[in-house]
Amino acid sequence: MNKAKILVIDDEQSILDLITAYPRPEGFEVYSASDGISGLNTFRAYKPDLVVLDIMLPGLDGIELLNKIRRESDVYVIMLTAKTEETDKIVGLSVGADDYVTKPFSSRELAA
């Protein structure tokens, strides 16, 4: 049986380290990228089952990246961002995010 694949795209190394370490012991394959362009390339290469996506990314921001992902896939996408305004959440959800989690967050909250 294939392991479920998770792609985490965030430009903060501490966030990448935390989120990528958490699901591995549970049997998930976890990939990461620290900017929008490499995130898109990694997405295309590994075809993940879940994407955890920051909005504020260098190169290609999370909203642009989500638009590109949605043209290719209906993968489940969780926006994970420091942007906490209601309008930011509405934009993220309206362009195709399935959920929206704000930083700071707990790993239990994200897992749920």
PDB file of N, CA and C in Angstrom:
ATOM      1  N   MET A   1       0.835  -1.181   0.000  1.00  0.00           N
ATOM      2  CA  MET A   1       0.000   0.000   0.000  1.00  0.00           C
ATOM      3  C   MET A   1       0.877   1.239   0.000  1.00  0.00           C
ATOM      4  N   ASN A   2       0.568   2.230  -0.839  1.00  0.00           N
ATOM      5  CA  ASN A   2       1.345   3.463  -0.913  1.00  0.00           C
ATOM      6  C   ASN A   2       1.075   4.347   0.289  1.00  0.00           C
ATOM      7  N   LYS A   3       2.130   5.003   0.740  1.00  0.00           N
ATOM      8  CA  LYS A   3       1.990   5.956   1.830  1.00  0.00           C
ATOM      9  C   LYS A   3       1.377   7.238   1.293  1.00  0.00           C
ATOM     10  N   ALA A   4       0.549   7.887   2.094  1.00  0.00           N
ATOM     11  CA  ALA A   4       0.015   9.189   1.723  1.00  0.00           C
ATOM     12  C   ALA A   4       1.165  10.201   1.716  1.00  0.00           C
ATOM     13  N   LYS A   5       1.112  11.130   0.765  1.00  0.00           N
ATOM     14  CA  LYS A   5       2.182  12.106   0.594  1.00  0.00           C
ATOM     15  C   LYS A   5       1.707  13.502   0.981  1.00  0.00           C
ATOM     16  N   ILE A   6       2.547  14.199   1.729  1.00  0.00           N
ATOM     17  CA  ILE A   6       2.271  15.560   2.169  1.00  0.00           C
ATOM     18  C   ILE A   6       3.381  16.462   1.645  1.00  0.00           C
ATOM     19  N   LEU A   7       2.993  17.607   1.096  1.00  0.00           N
ATOM     20  CA  LEU A   7       3.944  18.626   0.670  1.00  0.00           C
ATOM     21  C   LEU A   7       3.731  19.864   1.516  1.00  0.00           C
ATOM     22  N   VAL A   8       4.807  20.326   2.155  1.00  0.00           N
ATOM     23  CA  VAL A   8       4.769  21.532   2.971  1.00  0.00           C
ATOM     24  C   VAL A   8       5.578  22.601   2.256  1.00  0.00           C
ATOM     25  N   ILE A   9       4.951  23.755   2.003  1.00  0.00           N
ATOM     26  CA  ILE A   9       5.624  24.854   1.315  1.00  0.00           C
ATOM     27  C   ILE A   9       5.571  26.066   2.230  1.00  0.00           C
ATOM     28  N   ASP A  10       6.725  26.434   2.782  1.00  0.00           N
ATOM     29  CA  ASP A  10       6.829  27.560   3.703  1.00  0.00           C
ATOM     30  C   ASP A  10       8.255  28.076   3.658  1.00  0.00           C
ATOM     31  N   ASP A  11       8.426  29.387   3.759  1.00  0.00           N
ATOM     32  CA  ASP A  11       9.771  29.957   3.698  1.00  0.00           C
ATOM     33  C   ASP A  11      10.448  30.057   5.060  1.00  0.00           C
ATOM     34  N   GLU A  12       9.774  29.671   6.122  1.00  0.00           N
ATOM     35  CA  GLU A  12      10.375  29.670   7.459  1.00  0.00           C
ATOM     36  C   GLU A  12      10.880  28.265   7.770  1.00  0.00           C
ATOM     37  N   GLN A  13      12.192  28.120   7.923  1.00  0.00           N
ATOM     38  CA  GLN A  13      12.792  26.802   8.146  1.00  0.00           C
ATOM     39  C   GLN A  13      12.250  26.134   9.401  1.00  0.00           C
ATOM     40  N   SER A  14      12.018  26.897  10.460  1.00  0.00           N
ATOM     41  CA  SER A  14      11.511  26.292  11.697  1.00  0.00           C
ATOM     42  C   SER A  14      10.123  25.683  11.492  1.00  0.00           C
ATOM     43  N   ILE A  15       9.296  26.331  10.675  1.00  0.00           N
ATOM     44  CA  ILE A  15       7.966  25.796  10.368  1.00  0.00           C
ATOM     45  C   ILE A  15       8.100  24.523   9.536  1.00  0.00           C
ATOM     46  N   LEU A  16       8.972  24.560   8.522  1.00  0.00           N
ATOM     47  CA  LEU A  16       9.202  23.362   7.704  1.00  0.00           C
ATOM     48  C   LEU A  16       9.658  22.198   8.567  1.00  0.00           C
ATOM     49  N   ASP A  17      10.621  22.458   9.454  1.00  0.00           N
ATOM     50  CA  ASP A  17      11.147  21.394  10.319  1.00  0.00           C
ATOM     51  C   ASP A  17      10.046  20.790  11.188  1.00  0.00           C
ATOM     52  N   LEU A  18       9.219  21.646  11.776  1.00  0.00           N
ATOM     53  CA  LEU A  18       8.155  21.176  12.657  1.00  0.00           C
ATOM     54  C   LEU A  18       7.116  20.360  11.891  1.00  0.00           C
ATOM     55  N   ILE A  19       6.634  20.915  10.788  1.00  0.00           N
ATOM     56  CA  ILE A  19       5.545  20.260  10.072  1.00  0.00           C
ATOM     57  C   ILE A  19       6.010  18.995   9.358  1.00  0.00           C
ATOM     58  N   THR A  20       7.230  18.970   8.861  1.00  0.00           N
ATOM     59  CA  THR A  20       7.692  17.770   8.164  1.00  0.00           C
ATOM     60  C   THR A  20       8.039  16.636   9.139  1.00  0.00           C
ATOM     61  N   ALA A  21       8.473  16.962  10.340  1.00  0.00           N
ATOM     62  CA  ALA A  21       8.842  15.936  11.312  1.00  0.00           C
ATOM     63  C   ALA A  21       7.617  15.258  11.928  1.00  0.00           C
ATOM     64  N   TYR A  22       6.554  15.986  12.089  1.00  0.00           N
ATOM     65  CA  TYR A  22       5.383  15.491  12.811  1.00  0.00           C
ATOM     66  C   TYR A  22       4.700  14.286  12.139  1.00  0.00           C
ATOM     67  N   PRO A  23       4.429  14.296  10.822  1.00  0.00           N
ATOM     68  CA  PRO A  23       3.689  13.167  10.239  1.00  0.00           C
ATOM     69  C   PRO A  23       4.532  11.950   9.847  1.00  0.00           C
ATOM     70  N   ARG A  24       5.854  12.087   9.778  1.00  0.00           N
ATOM     71  CA  ARG A  24       6.685  10.948   9.341  1.00  0.00           C
ATOM     72  C   ARG A  24       6.528   9.712  10.210  1.00  0.00           C
ATOM     73  N   PRO A  25       6.547   9.845  11.537  1.00  0.00           N
ATOM     74  CA  PRO A  25       6.379   8.647  12.370  1.00  0.00           C
ATOM     75  C   PRO A  25       5.014   7.978  12.191  1.00  0.00           C
ATOM     76  N   GLU A  26       4.054   8.720  11.646  1.00  0.00           N
ATOM     77  CA  GLU A  26       2.719   8.173  11.398  1.00  0.00           C
ATOM     78  C   GLU A  26       2.646   7.451  10.054  1.00  0.00           C
ATOM     79  N   GLY A  27       3.770   7.412   9.314  1.00  0.00           N
ATOM     80  CA  GLY A  27       3.813   6.661   8.071  1.00  0.00           C
ATOM     81  C   GLY A  27       3.605   7.473   6.808  1.00  0.00           C
ATOM     82  N   PHE A  28       3.612   8.788   6.904  1.00  0.00           N
ATOM     83  CA  PHE A  28       3.445   9.638   5.724  1.00  0.00           C
ATOM     84  C   PHE A  28       4.784   9.911   5.057  1.00  0.00           C
ATOM     85  N   GLU A  29       4.760  10.072   3.735  1.00  0.00           N
ATOM     86  CA  GLU A  29       5.911  10.603   3.015  1.00  0.00           C
ATOM     87  C   GLU A  29       5.744  12.110   3.032  1.00  0.00           C
ATOM     88  N   VAL A  30       6.799  12.829   3.427  1.00  0.00           N
ATOM     89  CA  VAL A  30       6.689  14.277   3.551  1.00  0.00           C
ATOM     90  C   VAL A  30       7.774  14.942   2.717  1.00  0.00           C
ATOM     91  N   TYR A  31       7.363  15.901   1.905  1.00  0.00           N
ATOM     92  CA  TYR A  31       8.263  16.675   1.055  1.00  0.00           C
ATOM     93  C   TYR A  31       8.119  18.138   1.444  1.00  0.00           C
ATOM     94  N   SER A  32       9.144  18.926   1.128  1.00  0.00           N
ATOM     95  CA  SER A  32       9.062  20.337   1.484  1.00  0.00           C
ATOM     96  C   SER A  32       9.707  21.207   0.415  1.00  0.00           C
ATOM     97  N   ALA A  33       9.309  22.474   0.440  1.00  0.00           N
ATOM     98  CA  ALA A  33       9.873  23.491  -0.436  1.00  0.00           C
ATOM     99  C   ALA A  33       9.802  24.815   0.311  1.00  0.00           C
ATOM    100  N   SER A  34      10.767  25.706   0.017  1.00  0.00           N
ATOM    101  CA  SER A  34      10.815  26.966   0.751  1.00  0.00           C
ATOM    102  C   SER A  34      10.484  28.192  -0.097  1.00  0.00           C
ATOM    103  N   ASP A  35      10.051  27.986  -1.328  1.00  0.00           N
ATOM    104  CA  ASP A  35       9.596  29.100  -2.165  1.00  0.00           C
ATOM    105  C   ASP A  35       8.546  28.582  -3.143  1.00  0.00           C
ATOM    106  N   GLY A  36       7.854  29.507  -3.782  1.00  0.00           N
ATOM    107  CA  GLY A  36       6.752  29.128  -4.650  1.00  0.00           C
ATOM    108  C   GLY A  36       7.142  28.320  -5.867  1.00  0.00           C
ATOM    109  N   ILE A  37       8.223  28.685  -6.519  1.00  0.00           N
ATOM    110  CA  ILE A  37       8.649  27.979  -7.733  1.00  0.00           C
ATOM    111  C   ILE A  37       9.051  26.539  -7.419  1.00  0.00           C
ATOM    112  N   SER A  38       9.888  26.358  -6.408  1.00  0.00           N
ATOM    113  CA  SER A  38      10.279  24.985  -6.063  1.00  0.00           C
ATOM    114  C   SER A  38       9.084  24.214  -5.499  1.00  0.00           C
ATOM    115  N   GLY A  39       8.156  24.921  -4.854  1.00  0.00           N
ATOM    116  CA  GLY A  39       6.936  24.268  -4.384  1.00  0.00           C
ATOM    117  C   GLY A  39       6.116  23.714  -5.531  1.00  0.00           C
ATOM    118  N   LEU A  40       5.979  24.497  -6.595  1.00  0.00           N
ATOM    119  CA  LEU A  40       5.229  24.036  -7.766  1.00  0.00           C
ATOM    120  C   LEU A  40       5.933  22.848  -8.424  1.00  0.00           C
ATOM    121  N   ASN A  41       7.249  22.933  -8.540  1.00  0.00           N
ATOM    122  CA  ASN A  41       8.013  21.829  -9.134  1.00  0.00           C
ATOM    123  C   ASN A  41       7.902  20.558  -8.294  1.00  0.00           C
ATOM    124  N   THR A  42       7.974  20.702  -6.969  1.00  0.00           N
ATOM    125  CA  THR A  42       7.854  19.551  -6.073  1.00  0.00           C
ATOM    126  C   THR A  42       6.445  18.975  -6.144  1.00  0.00           C
ATOM    127  N   PHE A  43       5.451  19.848  -6.207  1.00  0.00           N
ATOM    128  CA  PHE A  43       4.069  19.398  -6.353  1.00  0.00           C
ATOM    129  C   PHE A  43       3.907  18.542  -7.605  1.00  0.00           C
ATOM    130  N   ARG A  44       4.434  19.023  -8.704  1.00  0.00           N
ATOM    131  CA  ARG A  44       4.314  18.294  -9.969  1.00  0.00           C
ATOM    132  C   ARG A  44       5.095  16.979  -9.947  1.00  0.00           C
ATOM    133  N   ALA A  45       6.221  16.960  -9.269  1.00  0.00           N
ATOM    134  CA  ALA A  45       7.059  15.758  -9.244  1.00  0.00           C
ATOM    135  C   ALA A  45       6.465  14.647  -8.381  1.00  0.00           C
ATOM    136  N   TYR A  46       5.879  15.001  -7.229  1.00  0.00           N
ATOM    137  CA  TYR A  46       5.457  13.981  -6.266  1.00  0.00           C
ATOM    138  C   TYR A  46       3.950  13.780  -6.172  1.00  0.00           C
ATOM    139  N   LYS A  47       3.164  14.677  -6.735  1.00  0.00           N
ATOM    140  CA  LYS A  47       1.697  14.555  -6.720  1.00  0.00           C
ATOM    141  C   LYS A  47       1.176  14.203  -5.314  1.00  0.00           C
ATOM    142  N   PRO A  48       1.331  15.129  -4.369  1.00  0.00           N
ATOM    143  CA  PRO A  48       0.942  14.835  -2.986  1.00  0.00           C
ATOM    144  C   PRO A  48      -0.564  14.714  -2.803  1.00  0.00           C
ATOM    145  N   ASP A  49      -0.941  14.114  -1.676  1.00  0.00           N
ATOM    146  CA  ASP A  49      -2.337  13.974  -1.290  1.00  0.00           C
ATOM    147  C   ASP A  49      -2.813  15.165  -0.469  1.00  0.00           C
ATOM    148  N   LEU A  50      -1.868  15.907   0.101  1.00  0.00           N
ATOM    149  CA  LEU A  50      -2.162  17.077   0.923  1.00  0.00           C
ATOM    150  C   LEU A  50      -1.054  18.096   0.714  1.00  0.00           C
ATOM    151  N   VAL A  51      -1.439  19.378   0.602  1.00  0.00           N
ATOM    152  CA  VAL A  51      -0.469  20.467   0.526  1.00  0.00           C
ATOM    153  C   VAL A  51      -0.746  21.416   1.674  1.00  0.00           C
ATOM    154  N   VAL A  52       0.296  21.722   2.453  1.00  0.00           N
ATOM    155  CA  VAL A  52       0.228  22.752   3.485  1.00  0.00           C
ATOM    156  C   VAL A  52       1.004  23.929   2.921  1.00  0.00           C
ATOM    157  N   LEU A  53       0.313  25.055   2.706  1.00  0.00           N
ATOM    158  CA  LEU A  53       0.847  26.140   1.894  1.00  0.00           C
ATOM    159  C   LEU A  53       0.808  27.477   2.615  1.00  0.00           C
ATOM    160  N   ASP A  54       1.967  28.111   2.717  1.00  0.00           N
ATOM    161  CA  ASP A  54       2.060  29.467   3.247  1.00  0.00           C
ATOM    162  C   ASP A  54       1.642  30.446   2.147  1.00  0.00           C
ATOM    163  N   ILE A  55       1.128  31.596   2.521  1.00  0.00           N
ATOM    164  CA  ILE A  55       0.742  32.598   1.523  1.00  0.00           C
ATOM    165  C   ILE A  55       1.942  33.450   1.112  1.00  0.00           C
ATOM    166  N   MET A  56       2.705  33.904   2.091  1.00  0.00           N
ATOM    167  CA  MET A  56       3.809  34.826   1.803  1.00  0.00           C
ATOM    168  C   MET A  56       5.078  34.047   1.481  1.00  0.00           C
ATOM    169  N   LEU A  57       5.266  33.772   0.199  1.00  0.00           N
ATOM    170  CA  LEU A  57       6.418  33.002  -0.277  1.00  0.00           C
ATOM    171  C   LEU A  57       7.224  33.831  -1.261  1.00  0.00           C
ATOM    172  N   PRO A  58       8.534  33.640  -1.300  1.00  0.00           N
ATOM    173  CA  PRO A  58       9.330  34.311  -2.333  1.00  0.00           C
ATOM    174  C   PRO A  58       9.118  33.665  -3.701  1.00  0.00           C
ATOM    175  N   GLY A  59       9.271  34.470  -4.731  1.00  0.00           N
ATOM    176  CA  GLY A  59       9.202  33.958  -6.101  1.00  0.00           C
ATOM    177  C   GLY A  59       7.797  33.899  -6.650  1.00  0.00           C
ATOM    178  N   LEU A  60       6.966  33.114  -6.042  1.00  0.00           N
ATOM    179  CA  LEU A  60       5.579  32.913  -6.458  1.00  0.00           C
ATOM    180  C   LEU A  60       4.791  32.809  -5.162  1.00  0.00           C
ATOM    181  N   ASP A  61       3.899  33.776  -4.899  1.00  0.00           N
ATOM    182  CA  ASP A  61       3.230  33.735  -3.592  1.00  0.00           C
ATOM    183  C   ASP A  61       2.214  32.594  -3.530  1.00  0.00           C
ATOM    184  N   GLY A  62       1.749  32.319  -2.315  1.00  0.00           N
ATOM    185  CA  GLY A  62       0.877  31.175  -2.097  1.00  0.00           C
ATOM    186  C   GLY A  62      -0.436  31.233  -2.851  1.00  0.00           C
ATOM    187  N   ILE A  63      -0.988  32.429  -3.054  1.00  0.00           N
ATOM    188  CA  ILE A  63      -2.243  32.559  -3.789  1.00  0.00           C
ATOM    189  C   ILE A  63      -2.027  32.209  -5.263  1.00  0.00           C
ATOM    190  N   GLU A  64      -0.949  32.736  -5.844  1.00  0.00           N
ATOM    191  CA  GLU A  64      -0.629  32.393  -7.241  1.00  0.00           C
ATOM    192  C   GLU A  64      -0.362  30.894  -7.376  1.00  0.00           C
ATOM    193  N   LEU A  65       0.384  30.358  -6.428  1.00  0.00           N
ATOM    194  CA  LEU A  65       0.702  28.931  -6.456  1.00  0.00           C
ATOM    195  C   LEU A  65      -0.568  28.092  -6.331  1.00  0.00           C
ATOM    196  N   LEU A  66      -1.464  28.484  -5.445  1.00  0.00           N
ATOM    197  CA  LEU A  66      -2.717  27.757  -5.294  1.00  0.00           C
ATOM    198  C   LEU A  66      -3.528  27.791  -6.589  1.00  0.00           C
ATOM    199  N   ASN A  67      -3.548  28.925  -7.265  1.00  0.00           N
ATOM    200  CA  ASN A  67      -4.245  29.008  -8.555  1.00  0.00           C
ATOM    201  C   ASN A  67      -3.662  27.999  -9.549  1.00  0.00           C
ATOM    202  N   LYS A  68      -2.341  27.890  -9.601  1.00  0.00           N
ATOM    203  CA  LYS A  68      -1.692  26.941 -10.517  1.00  0.00           C
ATOM    204  C   LYS A  68      -2.010  25.498 -10.119  1.00  0.00           C
ATOM    205  N   ILE A  69      -1.973  25.228  -8.820  1.00  0.00           N
ATOM    206  CA  ILE A  69      -2.286  23.879  -8.338  1.00  0.00           C
ATOM    207  C   ILE A  69      -3.721  23.509  -8.703  1.00  0.00           C
ATOM    208  N   ARG A  70      -4.636  24.434  -8.528  1.00  0.00           N
ATOM    209  CA  ARG A  70      -6.046  24.152  -8.812  1.00  0.00           C
ATOM    210  C   ARG A  70      -6.306  23.891 -10.299  1.00  0.00           C
ATOM    211  N   ARG A  71      -5.479  24.423 -11.167  1.00  0.00           N
ATOM    212  CA  ARG A  71      -5.633  24.139 -12.597  1.00  0.00           C
ATOM    213  C   ARG A  71      -5.245  22.701 -12.920  1.00  0.00           C
ATOM    214  N   GLU A  72      -4.469  22.069 -12.032  1.00  0.00           N
ATOM    215  CA  GLU A  72      -3.954  20.730 -12.282  1.00  0.00           C
ATOM    216  C   GLU A  72      -4.532  19.650 -11.369  1.00  0.00           C
ATOM    217  N   SER A  73      -5.101  20.049 -10.240  1.00  0.00           N
ATOM    218  CA  SER A  73      -5.445  19.041  -9.235  1.00  0.00           C
ATOM    219  C   SER A  73      -6.535  19.547  -8.295  1.00  0.00           C
ATOM    220  N   ASP A  74      -7.217  18.603  -7.672  1.00  0.00           N
ATOM    221  CA  ASP A  74      -8.158  18.946  -6.609  1.00  0.00           C
ATOM    222  C   ASP A  74      -7.618  18.473  -5.249  1.00  0.00           C
ATOM    223  N   VAL A  75      -6.291  18.383  -5.139  1.00  0.00           N
ATOM    224  CA  VAL A  75      -5.631  17.987  -3.904  1.00  0.00           C
ATOM    225  C   VAL A  75      -6.128  18.860  -2.745  1.00  0.00           C
ATOM    226  N   TYR A  76      -6.187  18.285  -1.559  1.00  0.00           N
ATOM    227  CA  TYR A  76      -6.598  19.034  -0.365  1.00  0.00           C
ATOM    228  C   TYR A  76      -5.482  20.012  -0.004  1.00  0.00           C
ATOM    229  N   VAL A  77      -5.824  21.302   0.165  1.00  0.00           N
ATOM    230  CA  VAL A  77      -4.837  22.336   0.466  1.00  0.00           C
ATOM    231  C   VAL A  77      -5.232  23.057   1.745  1.00  0.00           C
ATOM    232  N   ILE A  78      -4.288  23.104   2.679  1.00  0.00           N
ATOM    233  CA  ILE A  78      -4.451  23.877   3.906  1.00  0.00           C
ATOM    234  C   ILE A  78      -3.536  25.096   3.801  1.00  0.00           C
ATOM    235  N   MET A  79      -4.122  26.285   3.852  1.00  0.00           N
ATOM    236  CA  MET A  79      -3.320  27.507   3.905  1.00  0.00           C
ATOM    237  C   MET A  79      -2.848  27.665   5.343  1.00  0.00           C
ATOM    238  N   LEU A  80      -1.563  27.896   5.515  1.00  0.00           N
ATOM    239  CA  LEU A  80      -0.971  28.091   6.835  1.00  0.00           C
ATOM    240  C   LEU A  80      -0.234  29.409   6.778  1.00  0.00           C
ATOM    241  N   THR A  81      -0.733  30.422   7.466  1.00  0.00           N
ATOM    242  CA  THR A  81      -0.184  31.748   7.261  1.00  0.00           C
ATOM    243  C   THR A  81      -0.315  32.646   8.480  1.00  0.00           C
ATOM    244  N   ALA A  82       0.517  33.662   8.507  1.00  0.00           N
ATOM    245  CA  ALA A  82       0.450  34.678   9.555  1.00  0.00           C
ATOM    246  C   ALA A  82      -0.632  35.705   9.257  1.00  0.00           C
ATOM    247  N   LYS A  83      -1.175  35.693   8.058  1.00  0.00           N
ATOM    248  CA  LYS A  83      -2.236  36.640   7.687  1.00  0.00           C
ATOM    249  C   LYS A  83      -3.527  36.215   8.372  1.00  0.00           C
ATOM    250  N   THR A  84      -3.994  37.057   9.294  1.00  0.00           N
ATOM    251  CA  THR A  84      -5.131  36.675  10.126  1.00  0.00           C
ATOM    252  C   THR A  84      -6.398  37.472   9.850  1.00  0.00           C
ATOM    253  N   GLU A  85      -6.334  38.438   8.962  1.00  0.00           N
ATOM    254  CA  GLU A  85      -7.515  39.245   8.676  1.00  0.00           C
ATOM    255  C   GLU A  85      -8.584  38.401   7.982  1.00  0.00           C
ATOM    256  N   GLU A  86      -9.835  38.719   8.236  1.00  0.00           N
ATOM    257  CA  GLU A  86     -10.936  37.989   7.631  1.00  0.00           C
ATOM    258  C   GLU A  86     -10.849  38.011   6.102  1.00  0.00           C
ATOM    259  N   THR A  87     -10.468  39.156   5.526  1.00  0.00           N
ATOM    260  CA  THR A  87     -10.376  39.250   4.065  1.00  0.00           C
ATOM    261  C   THR A  87      -9.303  38.307   3.520  1.00  0.00           C
ATOM    262  N   ASP A  88      -8.197  38.132   4.252  1.00  0.00           N
ATOM    263  CA  ASP A  88      -7.156  37.199   3.819  1.00  0.00           C
ATOM    264  C   ASP A  88      -7.699  35.775   3.787  1.00  0.00           C
ATOM    265  N   LYS A  89      -8.458  35.409   4.801  1.00  0.00           N
ATOM    266  CA  LYS A  89      -9.049  34.074   4.856  1.00  0.00           C
ATOM    267  C   LYS A  89     -10.031  33.880   3.703  1.00  0.00           C
ATOM    268  N   ILE A  90     -10.848  34.886   3.460  1.00  0.00           N
ATOM    269  CA  ILE A  90     -11.836  34.796   2.383  1.00  0.00           C
ATOM    270  C   ILE A  90     -11.144  34.627   1.038  1.00  0.00           C
ATOM    271  N   VAL A  91     -10.075  35.396   0.802  1.00  0.00           N
ATOM    272  CA  VAL A  91      -9.336  35.266  -0.456  1.00  0.00           C
ATOM    273  C   VAL A  91      -8.757  33.863  -0.584  1.00  0.00           C
ATOM    274  N   GLY A  92      -8.106  33.382   0.466  1.00  0.00           N
ATOM    275  CA  GLY A  92      -7.513  32.040   0.430  1.00  0.00           C
ATOM    276  C   GLY A  92      -8.538  30.957   0.146  1.00  0.00           C
ATOM    277  N   LEU A  93      -9.665  31.033   0.805  1.00  0.00           N
ATOM    278  CA  LEU A  93     -10.709  30.024   0.602  1.00  0.00           C
ATOM    279  C   LEU A  93     -11.380  30.185  -0.762  1.00  0.00           C
ATOM    280  N   SER A  94     -11.520  31.425  -1.217  1.00  0.00           N
ATOM    281  CA  SER A  94     -12.209  31.636  -2.496  1.00  0.00           C
ATOM    282  C   SER A  94     -11.379  31.189  -3.694  1.00  0.00           C
ATOM    283  N   VAL A  95     -10.048  31.168  -3.565  1.00  0.00           N
ATOM    284  CA  VAL A  95      -9.231  30.701  -4.689  1.00  0.00           C
ATOM    285  C   VAL A  95      -8.988  29.195  -4.642  1.00  0.00           C
ATOM    286  N   GLY A  96      -9.562  28.532  -3.630  1.00  0.00           N
ATOM    287  CA  GLY A  96      -9.520  27.081  -3.663  1.00  0.00           C
ATOM    288  C   GLY A  96      -8.924  26.370  -2.472  1.00  0.00           C
ATOM    289  N   ALA A  97      -8.530  27.094  -1.427  1.00  0.00           N
ATOM    290  CA  ALA A  97      -8.027  26.402  -0.237  1.00  0.00           C
ATOM    291  C   ALA A  97      -9.173  25.642   0.425  1.00  0.00           C
ATOM    292  N   ASP A  98      -8.856  24.510   1.018  1.00  0.00           N
ATOM    293  CA  ASP A  98      -9.863  23.716   1.706  1.00  0.00           C
ATOM    294  C   ASP A  98      -9.967  24.077   3.181  1.00  0.00           C
ATOM    295  N   ASP A  99      -8.891  24.623   3.725  1.00  0.00           N
ATOM    296  CA  ASP A  99      -8.885  25.039   5.121  1.00  0.00           C
ATOM    297  C   ASP A  99      -7.859  26.152   5.277  1.00  0.00           C
ATOM    298  N   TYR A 100      -7.934  26.867   6.406  1.00  0.00           N
ATOM    299  CA  TYR A 100      -7.080  28.026   6.635  1.00  0.00           C
ATOM    300  C   TYR A 100      -6.676  28.017   8.099  1.00  0.00           C
ATOM    301  N   VAL A 101      -5.391  27.836   8.380  1.00  0.00           N
ATOM    302  CA  VAL A 101      -4.862  27.804   9.745  1.00  0.00           C
ATOM    303  C   VAL A 101      -3.896  28.970   9.895  1.00  0.00           C
ATOM    304  N   THR A 102      -4.040  29.729  10.981  1.00  0.00           N
ATOM    305  CA  THR A 102      -3.174  30.894  11.174  1.00  0.00           C
ATOM    306  C   THR A 102      -2.023  30.580  12.122  1.00  0.00           C
ATOM    307  N   LYS A 103      -0.903  31.248  11.860  1.00  0.00           N
ATOM    308  CA  LYS A 103       0.268  31.162  12.734  1.00  0.00           C
ATOM    309  C   LYS A 103       0.085  32.185  13.845  1.00  0.00           C
ATOM    310  N   PRO A 104       0.503  31.907  15.050  1.00  0.00           N
ATOM    311  CA  PRO A 104       1.066  30.634  15.504  1.00  0.00           C
ATOM    312  C   PRO A 104      -0.030  29.568  15.602  1.00  0.00           C
ATOM    313  N   PHE A 105       0.372  28.327  15.511  1.00  0.00           N
ATOM    314  CA  PHE A 105      -0.558  27.212  15.530  1.00  0.00           C
ATOM    315  C   PHE A 105       0.050  26.105  16.373  1.00  0.00           C
ATOM    316  N   SER A 106      -0.784  25.177  16.785  1.00  0.00           N
ATOM    317  CA  SER A 106      -0.265  23.996  17.473  1.00  0.00           C
ATOM    318  C   SER A 106      -0.241  22.846  16.481  1.00  0.00           C
ATOM    319  N   SER A 107       0.680  21.942  16.655  1.00  0.00           N
ATOM    320  CA  SER A 107       0.754  20.792  15.766  1.00  0.00           C
ATOM    321  C   SER A 107      -0.502  19.942  15.874  1.00  0.00           C
ATOM    322  N   ARG A 108      -1.130  19.914  17.040  1.00  0.00           N
ATOM    323  CA  ARG A 108      -2.399  19.175  17.209  1.00  0.00           C
ATOM    324  C   ARG A 108      -3.499  19.823  16.379  1.00  0.00           C
ATOM    325  N   GLU A 109      -3.530  21.156  16.362  1.00  0.00           N
ATOM    326  CA  GLU A 109      -4.529  21.869  15.556  1.00  0.00           C
ATOM    327  C   GLU A 109      -4.348  21.541  14.079  1.00  0.00           C
ATOM    328  N   LEU A 110      -3.113  21.572  13.617  1.00  0.00           N
ATOM    329  CA  LEU A 110      -2.846  21.285  12.209  1.00  0.00           C
ATOM    330  C   LEU A 110      -3.197  19.839  11.867  1.00  0.00           C
ATOM    331  N   ALA A 111      -2.862  18.905  12.728  1.00  0.00           N
ATOM    332  CA  ALA A 111      -3.172  17.502  12.492  1.00  0.00           C
ATOM    333  C   ALA A 111      -4.666  17.256  12.412  1.00  0.00           C
ATOM    334  N   ALA A 112      -5.411  17.985  13.225  1.00  0.00           N
ATOM    335  CA  ALA A 112      -6.878  17.835  13.212  1.00  0.00           C
ATOM    336  C   ALA A 112      -7.435  18.325  11.897  1.00  0.00           C
TER     337      ALA A 112
END
